[in-house]
Protein backbone atom coordinates (compact mmCIF):
# COMPACT_ATOMS: atom_id res chain seq x y z
CA UNK A 1 -125.95 253.21 252.92
CA UNK A 2 -125.99 249.42 253.27
CA UNK A 3 -124.26 249.62 256.58
CA UNK A 4 -126.62 252.27 257.85
CA UNK A 5 -129.56 250.01 256.87
CA UNK A 6 -128.04 246.97 258.44
CA UNK A 7 -126.88 248.52 261.79
CA UNK A 8 -129.25 251.40 262.29
CA UNK A 9 -132.40 250.02 260.58
CA UNK A 10 -132.72 253.06 258.19
CA UNK A 11 -134.02 251.69 254.86
CA UNK A 12 -132.09 252.33 251.68
CA UNK A 13 -133.80 254.22 248.83
CA UNK A 14 -134.45 252.10 245.65
CA UNK A 15 -131.47 253.71 243.99
CA UNK A 16 -129.03 251.95 246.40
CA UNK A 17 -131.04 248.74 246.55
CA UNK A 18 -131.04 248.44 242.82
CA UNK A 19 -127.38 249.22 242.22
CA UNK A 20 -125.85 247.48 245.26
CA UNK A 21 -128.33 244.74 245.98
CA UNK A 22 -125.74 242.02 245.52
CA UNK A 23 -123.49 243.20 248.34
CA UNK A 24 -125.50 241.68 251.16
CA UNK A 25 -122.97 238.76 251.44
CA UNK A 26 -119.51 239.39 252.71
CA UNK A 27 -117.98 237.40 249.82
CA UNK A 28 -119.74 239.65 247.26
CA UNK A 29 -118.60 242.75 249.20
CA UNK A 30 -114.93 241.54 249.29
CA UNK A 31 -115.01 240.80 245.52
CA UNK A 32 -116.24 244.31 244.73
CA UNK A 33 -113.72 245.98 246.98
CA UNK A 34 -110.88 243.93 245.47
CA UNK A 35 -111.95 244.92 241.98
CA UNK A 36 -112.09 248.57 242.83
CA UNK A 37 -108.70 248.59 244.52
CA UNK A 38 -106.97 246.68 241.60
CA UNK A 39 -108.63 248.74 238.83
CA UNK A 40 -107.07 251.91 237.64
CA UNK A 41 -109.04 255.11 238.17
CA UNK A 42 -108.81 258.67 236.81
CA UNK A 43 -110.53 261.83 238.00
CA UNK A 44 -112.22 264.55 235.99
CA UNK A 45 -113.96 267.74 236.99
CA UNK A 46 -117.56 267.87 235.78
CA UNK A 47 -119.08 271.26 235.11
CA UNK A 48 -122.86 271.80 235.11
CA UNK A 49 -123.68 275.54 234.92
CA UNK A 50 -121.99 277.21 237.78
CA UNK A 51 -121.50 274.00 239.76
CA UNK A 52 -118.61 271.67 239.58
CA UNK A 53 -117.60 268.50 241.40
CA UNK A 54 -114.91 265.86 241.41
CA UNK A 55 -116.25 262.59 239.89
CA UNK A 56 -114.41 259.38 239.08
CA UNK A 57 -114.94 257.91 235.65
CA UNK A 58 -115.44 254.26 234.66
CA UNK A 59 -113.33 251.73 236.39
CA UNK A 60 -110.92 249.98 234.18
CA UNK A 61 -111.76 251.95 231.02
CA UNK A 62 -108.61 253.28 229.24
CA UNK A 63 -108.40 256.96 228.44
CA UNK A 64 -110.03 257.92 225.16
CA UNK A 65 -109.07 260.99 223.00
CA UNK A 66 -111.62 263.83 223.07
CA UNK A 67 -114.25 263.47 220.45
CA UNK A 68 -117.04 265.88 219.29
CA UNK A 69 -120.09 263.71 219.97
CA UNK A 70 -122.12 264.37 221.96
CA UNK A 71 -120.37 267.12 223.79
CA UNK A 72 -119.54 270.77 222.94
CA UNK A 73 -122.29 272.37 220.77
CA UNK A 74 -124.20 269.23 220.81
CA UNK A 75 -124.81 269.48 224.59
CA UNK A 76 -125.54 273.21 224.30
CA UNK A 77 -128.15 272.73 221.62
CA UNK A 78 -129.70 269.77 223.61
CA UNK A 79 -129.96 271.94 226.76
CA UNK A 80 -131.73 274.60 224.81
CA UNK A 81 -134.23 272.22 223.22
CA UNK A 82 -134.90 270.44 226.49
CA UNK A 83 -135.74 273.73 228.27
CA UNK A 84 -138.29 274.24 225.54
CA UNK A 85 -139.74 270.74 225.40
CA UNK A 86 -143.40 270.43 226.32
CA UNK A 87 -143.84 266.70 226.72
CA UNK A 88 -141.89 263.45 227.53
CA UNK A 89 -141.86 262.41 223.92
CA UNK A 90 -139.98 265.44 222.88
CA UNK A 91 -137.58 265.15 225.75
CA UNK A 92 -136.69 261.61 224.81
CA UNK A 93 -136.20 262.68 221.06
CA UNK A 94 -133.83 265.46 222.01
CA UNK A 95 -131.71 263.07 224.25
CA UNK A 96 -131.57 260.36 221.66
CA UNK A 97 -130.75 262.76 218.82
CA UNK A 98 -127.84 264.13 220.79
CA UNK A 99 -126.51 260.70 221.78
CA UNK A 100 -126.80 259.55 218.03
CA UNK A 101 -123.75 261.77 217.22
CA UNK A 102 -121.61 259.05 218.90
CA UNK A 103 -123.86 256.01 219.36
CA UNK A 104 -125.43 254.13 216.55
CA UNK A 105 -128.09 252.43 218.62
CA UNK A 106 -129.70 253.77 221.78
CA UNK A 107 -132.70 253.19 223.93
CA UNK A 108 -134.34 255.17 226.77
CA UNK A 109 -136.13 252.89 229.33
CA UNK A 110 -138.69 254.48 231.63
CA UNK A 111 -138.62 253.00 235.10
CA UNK A 112 -141.68 252.13 237.08
CA UNK A 113 -140.94 250.61 240.38
CA UNK A 114 -138.40 247.85 239.53
CA UNK A 115 -139.53 247.39 235.92
CA UNK A 116 -138.06 249.05 232.91
CA UNK A 117 -139.96 249.48 229.68
CA UNK A 118 -139.03 251.02 226.35
CA UNK A 119 -139.66 254.85 226.28
CA UNK A 120 -138.06 255.60 222.86
CA UNK A 121 -135.22 254.28 220.80
CA UNK A 122 -132.83 255.02 217.80
CA UNK A 123 -131.21 252.74 215.32
CA UNK A 124 -133.04 249.60 216.54
CA UNK A 125 -136.04 249.62 214.20
CA UNK A 126 -138.30 248.46 217.16
CA UNK A 127 -141.91 247.78 216.16
CA UNK A 128 -144.57 248.73 218.79
CA UNK A 129 -145.21 245.05 219.33
CA UNK A 130 -141.40 244.45 220.12
CA UNK A 131 -141.28 247.49 222.22
CA UNK A 132 -144.28 246.37 224.26
CA UNK A 133 -142.70 242.89 224.87
CA UNK A 134 -139.29 244.38 225.94
CA UNK A 135 -139.97 244.54 229.67
CA UNK A 136 -137.03 244.10 231.98
CA UNK A 137 -136.75 243.75 235.84
CA UNK A 138 -134.11 245.86 237.18
CA UNK A 139 -132.77 243.64 239.82
CA UNK A 140 -132.68 240.46 237.66
CA UNK A 141 -131.72 241.65 234.16
CA UNK A 142 -128.12 240.73 233.65
CA UNK A 143 -127.44 243.69 231.27
CA UNK A 144 -128.53 246.27 233.93
CA UNK A 145 -126.71 244.07 236.43
CA UNK A 146 -123.41 245.25 234.83
CA UNK A 147 -124.10 248.61 236.72
CA UNK A 148 -124.10 247.16 240.17
CA UNK A 149 -121.79 249.12 242.43
CA UNK A 150 -120.83 251.66 239.68
CA UNK A 151 -122.22 254.91 238.30
CA UNK A 152 -122.02 253.64 234.68
CA UNK A 153 -120.91 250.74 232.60
CA UNK A 154 -118.93 251.01 229.39
CA UNK A 155 -117.43 248.04 227.59
CA UNK A 156 -118.25 244.67 226.01
CA UNK A 157 -121.13 242.57 227.02
CA UNK A 158 -119.89 239.40 228.60
CA UNK A 159 -120.09 236.24 226.30
CA UNK A 160 -122.51 234.45 228.58
CA UNK A 161 -125.91 233.05 227.73
CA UNK A 162 -127.72 234.88 230.52
CA UNK A 163 -127.31 238.08 228.48
CA UNK A 164 -129.05 236.64 225.30
CA UNK A 165 -132.75 237.40 226.44
CA UNK A 166 -132.06 241.10 226.44
CA UNK A 167 -130.89 241.14 222.83
CA UNK A 168 -133.47 238.48 221.66
CA UNK A 169 -136.34 240.64 222.97
CA UNK A 170 -135.00 243.58 221.09
CA UNK A 171 -134.38 241.49 217.92
CA UNK A 172 -130.74 242.59 217.58
CA UNK A 173 -127.15 241.13 217.59
CA UNK A 174 -124.95 241.51 220.62
CA UNK A 175 -122.72 244.73 220.28
CA UNK A 176 -118.96 245.10 220.50
CA UNK A 177 -119.27 247.93 223.08
CA UNK A 178 -122.20 249.07 225.16
CA UNK A 179 -122.92 252.08 227.50
CA UNK A 180 -125.50 251.83 230.33
CA UNK A 181 -126.38 254.91 232.52
CA UNK A 182 -128.98 255.27 235.20
CA UNK A 183 -131.07 258.39 235.34
CA UNK A 184 -131.84 259.64 238.86
CA UNK A 185 -134.14 262.35 239.98
CA UNK A 186 -133.63 263.25 243.72
CA UNK A 187 -132.23 259.72 244.36
CA UNK A 188 -135.00 257.96 242.72
CA UNK A 189 -134.23 255.89 239.63
CA UNK A 190 -136.63 257.30 236.85
CA UNK A 191 -134.97 255.94 233.60
CA UNK A 192 -132.14 254.00 232.16
CA UNK A 193 -130.11 254.88 229.10
CA UNK A 194 -128.67 252.13 226.96
CA UNK A 195 -126.48 252.66 223.92
CA UNK A 196 -124.01 250.70 221.74
CA UNK A 197 -122.02 250.81 218.49
CA UNK A 198 -123.61 247.82 216.91
CA UNK A 199 -122.08 244.34 216.28
CA UNK A 200 -118.70 245.68 215.15
CA UNK A 201 -118.78 249.41 216.06
CA UNK A 202 -117.42 251.39 218.92
CA UNK A 203 -118.98 254.33 220.91
CA UNK A 204 -117.50 257.65 220.10
CA UNK A 205 -116.79 260.28 222.68
CA UNK A 206 -116.14 260.37 226.44
CA UNK A 207 -118.35 258.57 228.89
CA UNK A 208 -118.45 261.74 230.91
CA UNK A 209 -120.30 263.58 227.96
CA UNK A 210 -123.01 260.98 228.03
CA UNK A 211 -123.21 261.27 231.90
CA UNK A 212 -123.82 265.02 231.44
CA UNK A 213 -126.55 264.29 228.82
CA UNK A 214 -128.52 261.96 231.19
CA UNK A 215 -128.09 264.59 234.04
CA UNK A 216 -129.84 267.02 231.71
CA UNK A 217 -132.52 264.38 231.05
CA UNK A 218 -133.19 264.23 234.73
CA UNK A 219 -133.51 267.99 235.01
CA UNK A 220 -135.87 268.04 231.87
CA UNK A 221 -138.15 265.48 233.49
CA UNK A 222 -138.30 267.65 236.71
CA UNK A 223 -138.94 270.74 234.49
CA UNK A 224 -141.89 268.96 232.86
CA UNK A 225 -143.36 268.13 236.30
CA UNK A 226 -143.03 271.70 237.42
CA UNK A 227 -144.61 273.06 234.28
CA UNK A 228 -147.57 270.70 234.89
CA UNK A 229 -147.87 271.97 238.47
CA UNK A 230 -147.78 275.63 237.39
CA UNK A 231 -150.44 275.11 234.83
CA UNK A 232 -152.76 273.30 237.20
CA UNK A 233 -152.17 275.90 240.04
């Protein structure tokens, strides 16, 4: 997408600008390519209804044993509840309740342009005042920067001071392991999912199950929009 923009003057959508904005320099591009070539990969088949596709899981993340949360019956129940949800608040609750089976702390950020704000959370004890102050710019926030060039991030937060502001604004300690997932609707970034296991805890379950959960979130957002259109017709 970047090459098409550069050589054919066809602008990238925000999704690609946000996730790969640092690749404009050849040096940055070489570093990313070298990391991808050197890192081990494994492939899994992802099933969503009658559709299936080959999708590569997190780079450099070792294989984890299968775990109940949030997959299996949890995803089935979440799908049923999302199909019946009538507002965005209920959609967020269903997603976070399902994720809570394997993640002790989680936040859904709504995305407006290039700014992310707190939509709902679990396990953080965020007051409305704290939530209102927790605004993050997608292209400059280092925590979201861990996603650049990848479909998800799962691992430790680097021990660097530039990551402090994120956790200071939320009023929490830095976790041992975090999971960050973008939520896209028709190639448009509409939300961000952040979860962690707390200062000393790990995230339970496979990353792919959480990816399926946020895919369901995107569909639920679209369904709410369609319901609104139907009722106003």
